């Protein structure tokens, strides 16, 4: 495999405008990026700048509250809400990530059929009562990025040589999660195993990341096993393949290790959107063109896979699992 020294940049304007030739071109470029480094930037992505600016300002406001106040919206069993420093430890990491984050998902009422049935991670968001302005701003960002994500998957499908609308029916009730993330400056005396986010791969299909101008994101280049910077690029999203899409493509697409080291001496902010399918969507490599004889992975429900990965990395999930083992009769259906 050839070495990839820089992360490719793909112009998405024509795709968002509905141009068929632009969709075909982007599909080829995305396929090339996803089968080599597993990362790319998109520019002219169509998410209005004022929506991004409002979400960034909201992140600054939210994380400036005292931690005791933020804990009033502490993460719940649906993986919605505030996670403080030390709440997330990536698999194989020796120390928790040096970050805070606030998570939202698809807004569903308590009487939604899937919520009533106890489908994991489903339900209303855990909005903070101390910052009522957050809900319209962050959920507006969530919906705008979802539209971009849908077009991204059209290009992915075209690049794979399947129907461009293949993913749409698998996203009718998406498991999209969006996180505002705050990285305090890492202390100068930090150990070499302390990261803003330790080396990891993402769990789901695709991730769309907005990052501020501080920098610190690095991607593991596969061919020569070196770390490549993913520097901030105004007007862009960084996009990467997650483990679920790598599995779906039978490892044609690469879910690549990446990490964050905030050595800038400044605060760093980002907003990550994990654009993932409906919980019950079947992830089967045969559906993306893999011959039955070559399949490496059995079919799996998208939500079951993602839930398992969240349970492995989030401290509050491990505590919940331990409590359920102690009280097996009290398990929550909506864990």
C-alpha atoms as a PDB file:
ATOM      1  CA  UNK A   1       0.000   0.000   0.000  1.00  0.00           C
ATOM      2  CA  UNK A   2       1.386   3.442  -0.872  1.00  0.00           C
ATOM      3  CA  UNK A   3       2.193   5.870   1.918  1.00  0.00           C
ATOM      4  CA  UNK A   4      -0.276   8.754   2.417  1.00  0.00           C
ATOM      5  CA  UNK A   5       1.568  11.759   3.846  1.00  0.00           C
ATOM      6  CA  UNK A   6      -1.372  14.181   3.836  1.00  0.00           C
ATOM      7  CA  UNK A   7      -5.100  13.784   4.288  1.00  0.00           C
ATOM      8  CA  UNK A   8      -6.999  14.412   1.036  1.00  0.00           C
ATOM      9  CA  UNK A   9      -9.429  17.310   0.621  1.00  0.00           C
ATOM     10  CA  UNK A  10     -12.687  16.710  -1.275  1.00  0.00           C
ATOM     11  CA  UNK A  11     -14.889  19.512  -2.591  1.00  0.00           C
ATOM     12  CA  UNK A  12     -18.481  18.639  -1.754  1.00  0.00           C
ATOM     13  CA  UNK A  13     -20.297  21.603  -3.290  1.00  0.00           C
ATOM     14  CA  UNK A  14     -21.552  19.736  -6.357  1.00  0.00           C
ATOM     15  CA  UNK A  15     -22.790  16.798  -4.306  1.00  0.00           C
ATOM     16  CA  UNK A  16     -24.825  19.041  -2.020  1.00  0.00           C
ATOM     17  CA  UNK A  17     -26.197  20.812  -5.114  1.00  0.00           C
ATOM     18  CA  UNK A  18     -27.399  17.527  -6.634  1.00  0.00           C
ATOM     19  CA  UNK A  19     -24.937  17.365  -9.522  1.00  0.00           C
ATOM     20  CA  UNK A  20     -24.618  13.761 -10.776  1.00  0.00           C
ATOM     21  CA  UNK A  21     -21.122  14.218 -12.218  1.00  0.00           C
ATOM     22  CA  UNK A  22     -19.911  15.759  -8.968  1.00  0.00           C
ATOM     23  CA  UNK A  23     -21.423  12.842  -7.042  1.00  0.00           C
ATOM     24  CA  UNK A  24     -19.565  10.342  -9.214  1.00  0.00           C
ATOM     25  CA  UNK A  25     -16.299  12.256  -8.835  1.00  0.00           C
ATOM     26  CA  UNK A  26     -16.681  12.552  -5.067  1.00  0.00           C
ATOM     27  CA  UNK A  27     -17.535   8.860  -4.875  1.00  0.00           C
ATOM     28  CA  UNK A  28     -14.240   7.965  -6.539  1.00  0.00           C
ATOM     29  CA  UNK A  29     -12.252  10.334  -4.328  1.00  0.00           C
ATOM     30  CA  UNK A  30     -13.932   9.078  -1.167  1.00  0.00           C
ATOM     31  CA  UNK A  31     -13.321   5.466  -2.167  1.00  0.00           C
ATOM     32  CA  UNK A  32      -9.624   6.226  -2.684  1.00  0.00           C
ATOM     33  CA  UNK A  33      -9.373   7.974   0.688  1.00  0.00           C
ATOM     34  CA  UNK A  34     -11.292   5.285   2.560  1.00  0.00           C
ATOM     35  CA  UNK A  35      -9.234   2.426   1.135  1.00  0.00           C
ATOM     36  CA  UNK A  36      -5.912   4.088   2.021  1.00  0.00           C
ATOM     37  CA  UNK A  37      -5.776   6.395   5.043  1.00  0.00           C
ATOM     38  CA  UNK A  38      -9.452   6.210   6.056  1.00  0.00           C
ATOM     39  CA  UNK A  39      -9.704  10.002   6.560  1.00  0.00           C
ATOM     40  CA  UNK A  40     -10.482  12.997   4.378  1.00  0.00           C
ATOM     41  CA  UNK A  41     -11.608  16.603   4.636  1.00  0.00           C
ATOM     42  CA  UNK A  42     -14.735  17.912   2.949  1.00  0.00           C
ATOM     43  CA  UNK A  43     -15.036  21.580   2.037  1.00  0.00           C
ATOM     44  CA  UNK A  44     -18.132  23.384   0.729  1.00  0.00           C
ATOM     45  CA  UNK A  45     -20.098  20.890   2.795  1.00  0.00           C
ATOM     46  CA  UNK A  46     -23.268  22.971   2.896  1.00  0.00           C
ATOM     47  CA  UNK A  47     -23.683  23.309   6.664  1.00  0.00           C
ATOM     48  CA  UNK A  48     -24.241  27.056   7.161  1.00  0.00           C
ATOM     49  CA  UNK A  49     -21.390  28.853   8.888  1.00  0.00           C
ATOM     50  CA  UNK A  50     -23.772  30.631  11.242  1.00  0.00           C
ATOM     51  CA  UNK A  51     -25.012  27.238  12.478  1.00  0.00           C
ATOM     52  CA  UNK A  52     -21.421  26.154  13.183  1.00  0.00           C
ATOM     53  CA  UNK A  53     -20.543  29.474  14.834  1.00  0.00           C
ATOM     54  CA  UNK A  54     -23.577  29.265  17.116  1.00  0.00           C
ATOM     55  CA  UNK A  55     -22.682  25.716  18.149  1.00  0.00           C
ATOM     56  CA  UNK A  56     -19.082  26.735  18.856  1.00  0.00           C
ATOM     57  CA  UNK A  57     -20.216  29.659  20.989  1.00  0.00           C
ATOM     58  CA  UNK A  58     -22.610  27.354  22.859  1.00  0.00           C
ATOM     59  CA  UNK A  59     -19.768  24.932  23.572  1.00  0.00           C
ATOM     60  CA  UNK A  60     -17.638  27.723  25.042  1.00  0.00           C
ATOM     61  CA  UNK A  61     -20.554  28.838  27.217  1.00  0.00           C
ATOM     62  CA  UNK A  62     -21.480  25.345  28.403  1.00  0.00           C
ATOM     63  CA  UNK A  63     -18.017  24.171  29.379  1.00  0.00           C
ATOM     64  CA  UNK A  64     -17.312  27.449  31.237  1.00  0.00           C
ATOM     65  CA  UNK A  65     -19.881  26.502  33.894  1.00  0.00           C
ATOM     66  CA  UNK A  66     -18.488  24.988  37.105  1.00  0.00           C
ATOM     67  CA  UNK A  67     -18.252  21.222  36.940  1.00  0.00           C
ATOM     68  CA  UNK A  68     -20.770  20.910  39.783  1.00  0.00           C
ATOM     69  CA  UNK A  69     -23.284  22.802  37.659  1.00  0.00           C
ATOM     70  CA  UNK A  70     -22.569  20.737  34.551  1.00  0.00           C
ATOM     71  CA  UNK A  71     -23.140  17.557  36.546  1.00  0.00           C
ATOM     72  CA  UNK A  72     -26.792  18.568  36.873  1.00  0.00           C
ATOM     73  CA  UNK A  73     -26.979  17.283  33.278  1.00  0.00           C
ATOM     74  CA  UNK A  74     -24.750  14.249  33.953  1.00  0.00           C
ATOM     75  CA  UNK A  75     -24.762  11.477  31.379  1.00  0.00           C
ATOM     76  CA  UNK A  76     -27.656   9.073  31.823  1.00  0.00           C
ATOM     77  CA  UNK A  77     -28.273   5.434  30.873  1.00  0.00           C
ATOM     78  CA  UNK A  78     -29.214   6.579  27.350  1.00  0.00           C
ATOM     79  CA  UNK A  79     -25.713   8.019  26.801  1.00  0.00           C
ATOM     80  CA  UNK A  80     -27.079  11.566  26.787  1.00  0.00           C
ATOM     81  CA  UNK A  81     -25.594  14.406  28.802  1.00  0.00           C
ATOM     82  CA  UNK A  82     -22.367  15.610  30.395  1.00  0.00           C
ATOM     83  CA  UNK A  83     -19.247  13.504  30.876  1.00  0.00           C
ATOM     84  CA  UNK A  84     -16.555  14.940  33.126  1.00  0.00           C
ATOM     85  CA  UNK A  85     -12.791  14.415  33.044  1.00  0.00           C
ATOM     86  CA  UNK A  86     -11.997  10.733  33.492  1.00  0.00           C
ATOM     87  CA  UNK A  87     -15.324   9.374  32.280  1.00  0.00           C
ATOM     88  CA  UNK A  88     -13.961   7.835  29.056  1.00  0.00           C
ATOM     89  CA  UNK A  89     -11.075   5.409  28.670  1.00  0.00           C
ATOM     90  CA  UNK A  90     -10.340   4.119  25.197  1.00  0.00           C
ATOM     91  CA  UNK A  91      -9.694   0.395  24.853  1.00  0.00           C
ATOM     92  CA  UNK A  92      -6.049  -0.505  25.541  1.00  0.00           C
ATOM     93  CA  UNK A  93      -5.433   2.979  26.995  1.00  0.00           C
ATOM     94  CA  UNK A  94      -3.728   3.141  30.395  1.00  0.00           C
ATOM     95  CA  UNK A  95      -5.335   6.408  31.482  1.00  0.00           C
ATOM     96  CA  UNK A  96      -8.707   8.124  30.950  1.00  0.00           C
ATOM     97  CA  UNK A  97      -8.997  10.752  28.236  1.00  0.00           C
ATOM     98  CA  UNK A  98      -8.241  14.321  29.294  1.00  0.00           C
ATOM     99  CA  UNK A  99     -11.494  15.851  28.065  1.00  0.00           C
ATOM    100  CA  UNK A 100     -15.063  16.761  28.951  1.00  0.00           C
ATOM    101  CA  UNK A 101     -17.948  16.225  26.563  1.00  0.00           C
ATOM    102  CA  UNK A 102     -21.704  16.614  26.219  1.00  0.00           C
ATOM    103  CA  UNK A 103     -23.671  14.129  24.094  1.00  0.00           C
ATOM    104  CA  UNK A 104     -27.020  14.275  22.339  1.00  0.00           C
ATOM    105  CA  UNK A 105     -28.875  11.922  20.025  1.00  0.00           C
ATOM    106  CA  UNK A 106     -32.064  11.727  18.023  1.00  0.00           C
ATOM    107  CA  UNK A 107     -34.786  13.436  20.041  1.00  0.00           C
ATOM    108  CA  UNK A 108     -37.499  10.865  20.761  1.00  0.00           C
ATOM    109  CA  UNK A 109     -40.396  11.237  23.229  1.00  0.00           C
ATOM    110  CA  UNK A 110     -40.998   8.795  26.038  1.00  0.00           C
ATOM    111  CA  UNK A 111     -44.040   7.415  24.194  1.00  0.00           C
ATOM    112  CA  UNK A 112     -42.081   6.601  21.032  1.00  0.00           C
ATOM    113  CA  UNK A 113     -42.564   2.879  20.230  1.00  0.00           C
ATOM    114  CA  UNK A 114     -38.833   2.114  20.374  1.00  0.00           C
ATOM    115  CA  UNK A 115     -38.461   3.957  23.663  1.00  0.00           C
ATOM    116  CA  UNK A 116     -41.444   2.137  25.129  1.00  0.00           C
ATOM    117  CA  UNK A 117     -39.954  -1.150  23.926  1.00  0.00           C
ATOM    118  CA  UNK A 118     -36.749  -0.378  25.819  1.00  0.00           C
ATOM    119  CA  UNK A 119     -34.446  -0.014  22.827  1.00  0.00           C
ATOM    120  CA  UNK A 120     -31.016   0.913  24.172  1.00  0.00           C
ATOM    121  CA  UNK A 121     -29.753   4.508  23.891  1.00  0.00           C
ATOM    122  CA  UNK A 122     -33.151   5.809  22.729  1.00  0.00           C
ATOM    123  CA  UNK A 123     -35.252   8.589  24.227  1.00  0.00           C
ATOM    124  CA  UNK A 124     -35.279  12.326  24.881  1.00  0.00           C
ATOM    125  CA  UNK A 125     -32.065  14.259  25.275  1.00  0.00           C
ATOM    126  CA  UNK A 126     -30.747  15.331  28.662  1.00  0.00           C
ATOM    127  CA  UNK A 127     -30.690  19.077  28.132  1.00  0.00           C
ATOM    128  CA  UNK A 128     -29.211  21.264  30.902  1.00  0.00           C
ATOM    129  CA  UNK A 129     -31.720  23.302  32.885  1.00  0.00           C
ATOM    130  CA  UNK A 130     -29.011  25.899  33.567  1.00  0.00           C
ATOM    131  CA  UNK A 131     -28.529  26.688  29.845  1.00  0.00           C
ATOM    132  CA  UNK A 132     -31.858  26.640  27.982  1.00  0.00           C
ATOM    133  CA  UNK A 133     -30.262  28.239  24.922  1.00  0.00           C
ATOM    134  CA  UNK A 134     -28.245  25.073  24.224  1.00  0.00           C
ATOM    135  CA  UNK A 135     -31.093  22.933  22.916  1.00  0.00           C
ATOM    136  CA  UNK A 136     -32.120  24.921  19.811  1.00  0.00           C
ATOM    137  CA  UNK A 137     -28.531  25.711  18.873  1.00  0.00           C
ATOM    138  CA  UNK A 138     -26.984  22.252  19.269  1.00  0.00           C
ATOM    139  CA  UNK A 139     -29.965  20.382  17.868  1.00  0.00           C
ATOM    140  CA  UNK A 140     -30.012  22.724  14.872  1.00  0.00           C
ATOM    141  CA  UNK A 141     -26.377  21.790  14.273  1.00  0.00           C
ATOM    142  CA  UNK A 142     -27.252  18.113  14.732  1.00  0.00           C
ATOM    143  CA  UNK A 143     -29.915  18.237  12.026  1.00  0.00           C
ATOM    144  CA  UNK A 144     -27.801  20.260   9.595  1.00  0.00           C
ATOM    145  CA  UNK A 145     -24.886  17.831   9.857  1.00  0.00           C
ATOM    146  CA  UNK A 146     -27.305  14.917   9.383  1.00  0.00           C
ATOM    147  CA  UNK A 147     -28.276  16.284   5.969  1.00  0.00           C
ATOM    148  CA  UNK A 148     -24.611  16.454   5.024  1.00  0.00           C
ATOM    149  CA  UNK A 149     -24.087  12.927   6.347  1.00  0.00           C
ATOM    150  CA  UNK A 150     -26.875  11.588   4.164  1.00  0.00           C
ATOM    151  CA  UNK A 151     -25.225  13.066   1.079  1.00  0.00           C
ATOM    152  CA  UNK A 152     -21.872  11.692   2.200  1.00  0.00           C
ATOM    153  CA  UNK A 153     -23.310   8.197   2.282  1.00  0.00           C
ATOM    154  CA  UNK A 154     -24.747   8.666  -1.191  1.00  0.00           C
ATOM    155  CA  UNK A 155     -21.199   9.356  -2.388  1.00  0.00           C
ATOM    156  CA  UNK A 156     -19.883   6.384  -0.400  1.00  0.00           C
ATOM    157  CA  UNK A 157     -22.444   4.143  -2.102  1.00  0.00           C
ATOM    158  CA  UNK A 158     -21.535   5.446  -5.555  1.00  0.00           C
ATOM    159  CA  UNK A 159     -17.864   4.858  -4.814  1.00  0.00           C
ATOM    160  CA  UNK A 160     -18.661   1.281  -3.824  1.00  0.00           C
ATOM    161  CA  UNK A 161     -20.589   0.730  -7.049  1.00  0.00           C
ATOM    162  CA  UNK A 162     -23.961   0.166  -5.372  1.00  0.00           C
ATOM    163  CA  UNK A 163     -27.224   2.101  -5.565  1.00  0.00           C
ATOM    164  CA  UNK A 164     -26.693   5.646  -4.309  1.00  0.00           C
ATOM    165  CA  UNK A 165     -29.770   5.375  -2.074  1.00  0.00           C
ATOM    166  CA  UNK A 166     -28.677   2.127  -0.409  1.00  0.00           C
ATOM    167  CA  UNK A 167     -28.031   3.676   2.987  1.00  0.00           C
ATOM    168  CA  UNK A 168     -31.171   5.818   3.136  1.00  0.00           C
ATOM    169  CA  UNK A 169     -33.445   2.935   4.125  1.00  0.00           C
ATOM    170  CA  UNK A 170     -30.951   1.982   6.856  1.00  0.00           C
ATOM    171  CA  UNK A 171     -31.101   5.487   8.351  1.00  0.00           C
ATOM    172  CA  UNK A 172     -34.835   6.032   8.758  1.00  0.00           C
ATOM    173  CA  UNK A 173     -34.391   6.393  12.551  1.00  0.00           C
ATOM    174  CA  UNK A 174     -30.705   7.055  12.788  1.00  0.00           C
ATOM    175  CA  UNK A 175     -28.470   6.369  15.782  1.00  0.00           C
ATOM    176  CA  UNK A 176     -26.635   9.641  15.187  1.00  0.00           C
ATOM    177  CA  UNK A 177     -24.769  11.002  18.200  1.00  0.00           C
ATOM    178  CA  UNK A 178     -23.275  14.482  18.389  1.00  0.00           C
ATOM    179  CA  UNK A 179     -20.785  15.510  21.057  1.00  0.00           C
ATOM    180  CA  UNK A 180     -19.417  18.887  22.057  1.00  0.00           C
ATOM    181  CA  UNK A 181     -15.906  18.206  23.332  1.00  0.00           C
ATOM    182  CA  UNK A 182     -13.668  20.343  25.527  1.00  0.00           C
ATOM    183  CA  UNK A 183      -9.949  19.631  25.939  1.00  0.00           C
ATOM    184  CA  UNK A 184      -8.229  21.551  28.731  1.00  0.00           C
ATOM    185  CA  UNK A 185      -4.581  22.322  28.078  1.00  0.00           C
ATOM    186  CA  UNK A 186      -2.584  19.241  28.985  1.00  0.00           C
ATOM    187  CA  UNK A 187      -0.226  19.920  31.879  1.00  0.00           C
ATOM    188  CA  UNK A 188       3.390  20.344  30.722  1.00  0.00           C
ATOM    189  CA  UNK A 189       4.433  17.476  32.958  1.00  0.00           C
ATOM    190  CA  UNK A 190       1.884  15.076  31.385  1.00  0.00           C
ATOM    191  CA  UNK A 191       3.066  11.514  31.019  1.00  0.00           C
ATOM    192  CA  UNK A 192       3.529  10.206  27.504  1.00  0.00           C
ATOM    193  CA  UNK A 193       0.460   8.002  27.951  1.00  0.00           C
ATOM    194  CA  UNK A 194      -1.841  10.956  28.733  1.00  0.00           C
ATOM    195  CA  UNK A 195      -3.945  11.988  25.749  1.00  0.00           C
ATOM    196  CA  UNK A 196      -6.842  14.328  25.079  1.00  0.00           C
ATOM    197  CA  UNK A 197      -8.179  11.230  23.350  1.00  0.00           C
ATOM    198  CA  UNK A 198      -6.023   8.119  23.377  1.00  0.00           C
ATOM    199  CA  UNK A 199      -5.380   6.259  20.098  1.00  0.00           C
ATOM    200  CA  UNK A 200      -8.635   4.621  19.039  1.00  0.00           C
ATOM    201  CA  UNK A 201     -10.926   3.885  16.121  1.00  0.00           C
ATOM    202  CA  UNK A 202     -14.517   5.121  16.002  1.00  0.00           C
ATOM    203  CA  UNK A 203     -17.324   2.637  16.547  1.00  0.00           C
ATOM    204  CA  UNK A 204     -19.868   3.412  13.874  1.00  0.00           C
ATOM    205  CA  UNK A 205     -20.105   4.215  10.170  1.00  0.00           C
ATOM    206  CA  UNK A 206     -18.825   7.723   9.510  1.00  0.00           C
ATOM    207  CA  UNK A 207     -17.722  10.595  11.722  1.00  0.00           C
ATOM    208  CA  UNK A 208     -17.960  14.270  10.754  1.00  0.00           C
ATOM    209  CA  UNK A 209     -15.740  16.434  12.935  1.00  0.00           C
ATOM    210  CA  UNK A 210     -15.643  20.186  13.287  1.00  0.00           C
ATOM    211  CA  UNK A 211     -12.500  21.350  15.081  1.00  0.00           C
ATOM    212  CA  UNK A 212     -11.356  24.783  16.175  1.00  0.00           C
ATOM    213  CA  UNK A 213      -8.036  26.325  15.162  1.00  0.00           C
ATOM    214  CA  UNK A 214      -5.961  24.936  18.049  1.00  0.00           C
ATOM    215  CA  UNK A 215      -5.028  21.628  16.434  1.00  0.00           C
ATOM    216  CA  UNK A 216      -3.887  18.370  18.001  1.00  0.00           C
ATOM    217  CA  UNK A 217      -5.679  15.702  15.939  1.00  0.00           C
ATOM    218  CA  UNK A 218      -3.383  13.054  14.487  1.00  0.00           C
ATOM    219  CA  UNK A 219      -4.084  10.053  12.254  1.00  0.00           C
ATOM    220  CA  UNK A 220      -2.097   6.811  12.107  1.00  0.00           C
ATOM    221  CA  UNK A 221      -0.764   6.418   8.578  1.00  0.00           C
ATOM    222  CA  UNK A 222      -1.018   2.725   7.773  1.00  0.00           C
ATOM    223  CA  UNK A 223       1.765   2.071   5.293  1.00  0.00           C
ATOM    224  CA  UNK A 224       4.683   3.248   7.422  1.00  0.00           C
ATOM    225  CA  UNK A 225       3.003   3.449  10.845  1.00  0.00           C
ATOM    226  CA  UNK A 226       3.642   7.126  11.502  1.00  0.00           C
ATOM    227  CA  UNK A 227       1.333   9.805  12.878  1.00  0.00           C
ATOM    228  CA  UNK A 228       0.018  12.337  10.339  1.00  0.00           C
ATOM    229  CA  UNK A 229      -1.341  15.692  11.522  1.00  0.00           C
ATOM    230  CA  UNK A 230      -4.937  16.583  10.640  1.00  0.00           C
ATOM    231  CA  UNK A 231      -4.554  20.338  11.065  1.00  0.00           C
ATOM    232  CA  UNK A 232      -7.530  22.681  11.281  1.00  0.00           C
ATOM    233  CA  UNK A 233      -8.804  23.819   7.889  1.00  0.00           C
ATOM    234  CA  UNK A 234     -11.335  26.673   7.946  1.00  0.00           C
ATOM    235  CA  UNK A 235     -14.673  25.772   6.402  1.00  0.00           C
ATOM    236  CA  UNK A 236     -14.077  22.025   6.554  1.00  0.00           C
ATOM    237  CA  UNK A 237     -15.161  18.874   8.321  1.00  0.00           C
ATOM    238  CA  UNK A 238     -12.764  16.027   8.942  1.00  0.00           C
ATOM    239  CA  UNK A 239     -14.472  12.770   7.944  1.00  0.00           C
ATOM    240  CA  UNK A 240     -13.373   9.275   8.873  1.00  0.00           C
ATOM    241  CA  UNK A 241     -14.477   5.683   8.527  1.00  0.00           C
ATOM    242  CA  UNK A 242     -15.661   3.908  11.674  1.00  0.00           C
ATOM    243  CA  UNK A 243     -15.394   0.243  12.565  1.00  0.00           C
ATOM    244  CA  UNK A 244     -18.967  -0.528  11.544  1.00  0.00           C
ATOM    245  CA  UNK A 245     -18.477   0.740   7.986  1.00  0.00           C
ATOM    246  CA  UNK A 246     -15.126  -1.064   7.768  1.00  0.00           C
ATOM    247  CA  UNK A 247     -16.963  -4.230   8.773  1.00  0.00           C
ATOM    248  CA  UNK A 248     -19.772  -3.522   6.289  1.00  0.00           C
ATOM    249  CA  UNK A 249     -17.238  -3.179   3.464  1.00  0.00           C
ATOM    250  CA  UNK A 250     -15.438  -6.351   4.569  1.00  0.00           C
ATOM    251  CA  UNK A 251     -12.379  -4.219   5.424  1.00  0.00           C
ATOM    252  CA  UNK A 252     -12.071  -2.583   2.031  1.00  0.00           C
ATOM    253  CA  UNK A 253     -12.551   0.683   3.910  1.00  0.00           C
ATOM    254  CA  UNK A 254     -10.121   1.356   6.733  1.00  0.00           C
ATOM    255  CA  UNK A 255     -11.081   2.449  10.207  1.00  0.00           C
ATOM    256  CA  UNK A 256      -7.880   4.182  11.214  1.00  0.00           C
ATOM    257  CA  UNK A 257      -6.381   4.860  14.610  1.00  0.00           C
ATOM    258  CA  UNK A 258      -6.396   8.520  15.600  1.00  0.00           C
ATOM    259  CA  UNK A 259      -5.667  10.531  18.723  1.00  0.00           C
ATOM    260  CA  UNK A 260      -5.710  14.048  20.178  1.00  0.00           C
ATOM    261  CA  UNK A 261      -2.791  15.610  22.030  1.00  0.00           C
ATOM    262  CA  UNK A 262      -3.505  19.159  23.150  1.00  0.00           C
ATOM    263  CA  UNK A 263       0.040  20.407  23.694  1.00  0.00           C
ATOM    264  CA  UNK A 264      -0.889  23.951  22.630  1.00  0.00           C
ATOM    265  CA  UNK A 265      -1.217  25.376  26.123  1.00  0.00           C
ATOM    266  CA  UNK A 266      -4.712  26.550  25.121  1.00  0.00           C
ATOM    267  CA  UNK A 267      -8.217  25.195  25.462  1.00  0.00           C
ATOM    268  CA  UNK A 268      -9.388  23.139  22.482  1.00  0.00           C
ATOM    269  CA  UNK A 269     -12.978  22.620  21.324  1.00  0.00           C
ATOM    270  CA  UNK A 270     -14.469  20.267  18.763  1.00  0.00           C
ATOM    271  CA  UNK A 271     -17.882  18.903  17.795  1.00  0.00           C
ATOM    272  CA  UNK A 272     -17.961  15.290  16.665  1.00  0.00           C
ATOM    273  CA  UNK A 273     -20.956  13.729  14.922  1.00  0.00           C
ATOM    274  CA  UNK A 274     -21.146   9.954  14.657  1.00  0.00           C
ATOM    275  CA  UNK A 275     -23.578   9.405  11.812  1.00  0.00           C
ATOM    276  CA  UNK A 276     -24.835   5.871  12.342  1.00  0.00           C
ATOM    277  CA  UNK A 277     -27.770   3.744  11.118  1.00  0.00           C
ATOM    278  CA  UNK A 278     -31.095   2.764  12.611  1.00  0.00           C
ATOM    279  CA  UNK A 279     -30.592   0.462  15.601  1.00  0.00           C
ATOM    280  CA  UNK A 280     -32.031  -2.607  13.878  1.00  0.00           C
ATOM    281  CA  UNK A 281     -30.301  -2.040  10.514  1.00  0.00           C
ATOM    282  CA  UNK A 282     -28.485  -5.203   9.490  1.00  0.00           C
ATOM    283  CA  UNK A 283     -24.802  -4.721   8.703  1.00  0.00           C
ATOM    284  CA  UNK A 284     -23.899  -7.502   6.258  1.00  0.00           C
ATOM    285  CA  UNK A 285     -20.848  -7.282   3.959  1.00  0.00           C
ATOM    286  CA  UNK A 286     -22.726  -9.172   1.242  1.00  0.00           C
ATOM    287  CA  UNK A 287     -25.020  -6.161   0.807  1.00  0.00           C
ATOM    288  CA  UNK A 288     -22.063  -3.988  -0.199  1.00  0.00           C
ATOM    289  CA  UNK A 289     -20.807  -6.321  -2.902  1.00  0.00           C
ATOM    290  CA  UNK A 290     -18.705  -8.847  -0.996  1.00  0.00           C
ATOM    291  CA  UNK A 291     -18.964 -12.399  -2.340  1.00  0.00           C
ATOM    292  CA  UNK A 292     -20.380 -14.847   0.188  1.00  0.00           C
ATOM    293  CA  UNK A 293     -17.203 -16.933   0.090  1.00  0.00           C
ATOM    294  CA  UNK A 294     -15.085 -13.893   1.035  1.00  0.00           C
ATOM    295  CA  UNK A 295     -17.173 -12.557   3.927  1.00  0.00           C
ATOM    296  CA  UNK A 296     -15.142 -11.999   7.106  1.00  0.00           C
ATOM    297  CA  UNK A 297     -17.963 -10.937   9.413  1.00  0.00           C
ATOM    298  CA  UNK A 298     -21.432 -12.314  10.191  1.00  0.00           C
ATOM    299  CA  UNK A 299     -24.416  -9.966  10.007  1.00  0.00           C
ATOM    300  CA  UNK A 300     -24.956  -7.784  13.065  1.00  0.00           C
ATOM    301  CA  UNK A 301     -27.542  -5.197  14.120  1.00  0.00           C
ATOM    302  CA  UNK A 302     -25.928  -1.765  13.967  1.00  0.00           C
ATOM    303  CA  UNK A 303     -27.206  -0.712  17.391  1.00  0.00           C
ATOM    304  CA  UNK A 304     -26.055  -3.857  19.138  1.00  0.00           C
ATOM    305  CA  UNK A 305     -22.549  -3.368  17.797  1.00  0.00           C
ATOM    306  CA  UNK A 306     -22.370   0.322  18.758  1.00  0.00           C
ATOM    307  CA  UNK A 307     -23.819  -0.328  22.220  1.00  0.00           C
ATOM    308  CA  UNK A 308     -21.182  -2.969  22.879  1.00  0.00           C
ATOM    309  CA  UNK A 309     -18.392  -0.571  21.960  1.00  0.00           C
ATOM    310  CA  UNK A 310     -19.816   2.232  24.131  1.00  0.00           C
ATOM    311  CA  UNK A 311     -20.079  -0.181  27.062  1.00  0.00           C
ATOM    312  CA  UNK A 312     -16.376  -1.011  26.672  1.00  0.00           C
ATOM    313  CA  UNK A 313     -15.116   2.579  26.814  1.00  0.00           C
ATOM    314  CA  UNK A 314     -17.386   4.645  29.068  1.00  0.00           C
ATOM    315  CA  UNK A 315     -16.800   4.560  32.804  1.00  0.00           C
ATOM    316  CA  UNK A 316     -20.451   5.138  33.714  1.00  0.00           C
ATOM    317  CA  UNK A 317     -21.479   2.187  31.507  1.00  0.00           C
ATOM    318  CA  UNK A 318     -19.069  -0.093  33.345  1.00  0.00           C
ATOM    319  CA  UNK A 319     -20.483   1.044  36.686  1.00  0.00           C
ATOM    320  CA  UNK A 320     -24.015   0.414  35.417  1.00  0.00           C
ATOM    321  CA  UNK A 321     -23.056  -3.078  34.239  1.00  0.00           C
ATOM    322  CA  UNK A 322     -21.497  -3.853  37.625  1.00  0.00           C
ATOM    323  CA  UNK A 323     -24.647  -2.693  39.412  1.00  0.00           C
ATOM    324  CA  UNK A 324     -26.795  -4.863  37.171  1.00  0.00           C
ATOM    325  CA  UNK A 325     -24.636  -7.892  37.911  1.00  0.00           C
ATOM    326  CA  UNK A 326     -25.126  -7.263  41.617  1.00  0.00           C
ATOM    327  CA  UNK A 327     -28.890  -6.824  41.122  1.00  0.00           C
ATOM    328  CA  UNK A 328     -29.782  -8.951  38.091  1.00  0.00           C
ATOM    329  CA  UNK A 329     -33.489  -8.513  38.655  1.00  0.00           C
ATOM    330  CA  UNK A 330     -33.189  -4.737  38.351  1.00  0.00           C
ATOM    331  CA  UNK A 331     -31.670  -4.464  34.878  1.00  0.00           C
ATOM    332  CA  UNK A 332     -32.816  -1.516  32.817  1.00  0.00           C
ATOM    333  CA  UNK A 333     -34.220  -2.302  29.418  1.00  0.00           C
ATOM    334  CA  UNK A 334     -32.947   1.057  28.221  1.00  0.00           C
ATOM    335  CA  UNK A 335     -29.357   0.567  29.349  1.00  0.00           C
END
